[in-house]
Amino acid sequence: MGAMGQHGLTKGLPDLIVIDPGVHGYVELKTEAGKLTAPQREFRDLCELHGIRFAVTHGREEPIRLLEDWGVVMRRAHQEPIPLGDAVARVVSRLAEGRSR
């Protein structure tokens, strides 16, 4: 079996793959207390070796701030996340639910 007990997934691959003009990288989404697994650390090290962006984010807001910092998403003038931010928050919530079972 693959990652999180699902067939077809490779252990260590990150939750988000970011591809945008001029920006590519990987983001691992973790709960507040979440830590990288050994395969995730190996993938991170491989990215660092080749100069590829890799980030570990915690909670609901941190991934959104990271994507803003990378210039991939922007907040609207009234500071509400664009739909992608909502999608990231939903993914983080689902991951947290799955890990608490």
Protein backbone atom coordinates (compact mmCIF):
# COMPACT_ATOMS: atom_id res chain seq x y z
CA MET A 1 0.00 0.00 0.00
CA GLY A 2 1.02 3.59 -0.56
CA ALA A 3 0.81 6.73 1.47
CA MET A 4 -1.83 6.83 4.22
CA GLY A 5 -2.86 3.27 3.28
CA GLN A 6 -3.98 4.21 -0.22
CA HIS A 7 -2.94 2.19 -3.26
CA GLY A 8 -1.09 4.07 -5.97
CA LEU A 9 0.41 6.75 -3.74
CA THR A 10 4.13 6.93 -3.08
CA LYS A 11 5.28 7.42 0.50
CA GLY A 12 7.01 10.73 1.05
CA LEU A 13 5.37 12.71 -1.74
CA PRO A 14 4.05 16.09 -0.55
CA ASP A 15 0.42 17.14 -0.26
CA LEU A 16 0.66 20.08 -2.69
CA ILE A 17 2.63 20.49 -5.88
CA VAL A 18 2.94 24.16 -6.78
CA ILE A 19 3.35 25.00 -10.46
CA ASP A 20 3.05 28.62 -11.51
CA PRO A 21 5.01 30.71 -14.04
CA GLY A 22 8.45 31.11 -12.49
CA VAL A 23 7.56 29.19 -9.33
CA HIS A 24 7.54 25.50 -8.62
CA GLY A 25 7.83 23.68 -5.36
CA TYR A 26 6.26 21.31 -2.90
CA VAL A 27 4.25 21.89 0.26
CA GLU A 28 3.65 19.39 3.03
CA LEU A 29 0.54 20.16 5.10
CA LYS A 30 0.68 19.23 8.75
CA THR A 31 -1.49 19.68 11.79
CA GLU A 32 -0.15 22.01 14.49
CA ALA A 33 1.77 19.12 16.06
CA GLY A 34 2.48 17.20 12.84
CA LYS A 35 6.02 16.14 11.92
CA LEU A 36 7.59 14.82 8.76
CA THR A 37 7.89 11.06 8.33
CA ALA A 38 11.21 9.51 7.30
CA PRO A 39 10.16 9.27 3.60
CA GLN A 40 8.99 12.91 3.71
CA ARG A 41 12.34 13.99 5.17
CA GLU A 42 14.11 12.10 2.36
CA PHE A 43 11.99 13.90 -0.25
CA ARG A 44 12.68 17.26 1.43
CA ASP A 45 16.41 16.55 1.43
CA LEU A 46 16.29 15.62 -2.26
CA CYS A 47 14.53 18.88 -3.07
CA GLU A 48 17.08 20.88 -1.08
CA LEU A 49 19.94 19.08 -2.83
CA HIS A 50 18.55 20.18 -6.21
CA GLY A 51 17.51 23.71 -5.20
CA ILE A 52 13.77 22.97 -5.39
CA ARG A 53 11.40 24.74 -3.02
CA PHE A 54 9.99 22.56 -0.27
CA ALA A 55 8.04 23.80 2.72
CA VAL A 56 6.32 22.26 5.69
CA THR A 57 3.30 24.22 6.88
CA HIS A 58 1.19 23.81 9.99
CA GLY A 59 -2.43 24.70 10.65
CA ARG A 60 -4.93 26.38 8.36
CA GLU A 61 -3.40 29.81 7.70
CA GLU A 62 0.28 28.97 7.29
CA PRO A 63 -0.08 27.28 3.88
CA ILE A 64 -2.01 30.28 2.58
CA ARG A 65 0.66 32.70 3.83
CA LEU A 66 3.36 30.56 2.22
CA LEU A 67 1.58 30.57 -1.15
CA GLU A 68 1.22 34.34 -0.83
CA ASP A 69 4.94 34.65 -0.06
CA TRP A 70 5.74 32.52 -3.10
CA GLY A 71 3.55 34.86 -5.19
CA VAL A 72 1.18 32.09 -6.21
CA VAL A 73 -1.98 33.44 -4.56
CA MET A 74 -3.01 36.89 -3.37
CA ARG A 75 -5.58 38.00 -0.86
CA ARG A 76 -8.33 40.31 -1.94
CA ALA A 77 -8.28 43.89 -0.69
CA HIS A 78 -10.66 43.03 2.16
CA GLN A 79 -8.34 40.20 3.29
CA GLU A 80 -10.50 37.20 2.48
CA PRO A 81 -8.64 34.27 0.96
CA ILE A 82 -9.31 33.53 -2.67
CA PRO A 83 -10.92 30.17 -3.38
CA LEU A 84 -7.55 28.41 -3.55
CA GLY A 85 -6.93 29.44 0.06
CA ASP A 86 -10.26 27.95 1.03
CA ALA A 87 -9.33 24.77 -0.81
CA VAL A 88 -6.01 24.55 1.05
CA ALA A 89 -7.84 25.03 4.36
CA ARG A 90 -10.23 22.22 3.44
CA VAL A 91 -7.33 19.91 2.58
CA VAL A 92 -5.65 20.71 5.90
CA SER A 93 -8.91 20.01 7.74
CA ARG A 94 -9.38 16.70 5.94
CA LEU A 95 -5.82 15.66 6.71
CA ALA A 96 -6.33 16.54 10.37
CA GLU A 97 -9.57 14.54 10.47
CA GLY A 98 -7.91 11.52 8.86
CA ARG A 99 -4.98 11.57 11.28
CA SER A 100 -7.16 11.88 14.36
CA ARG A 101 -9.06 8.67 13.62
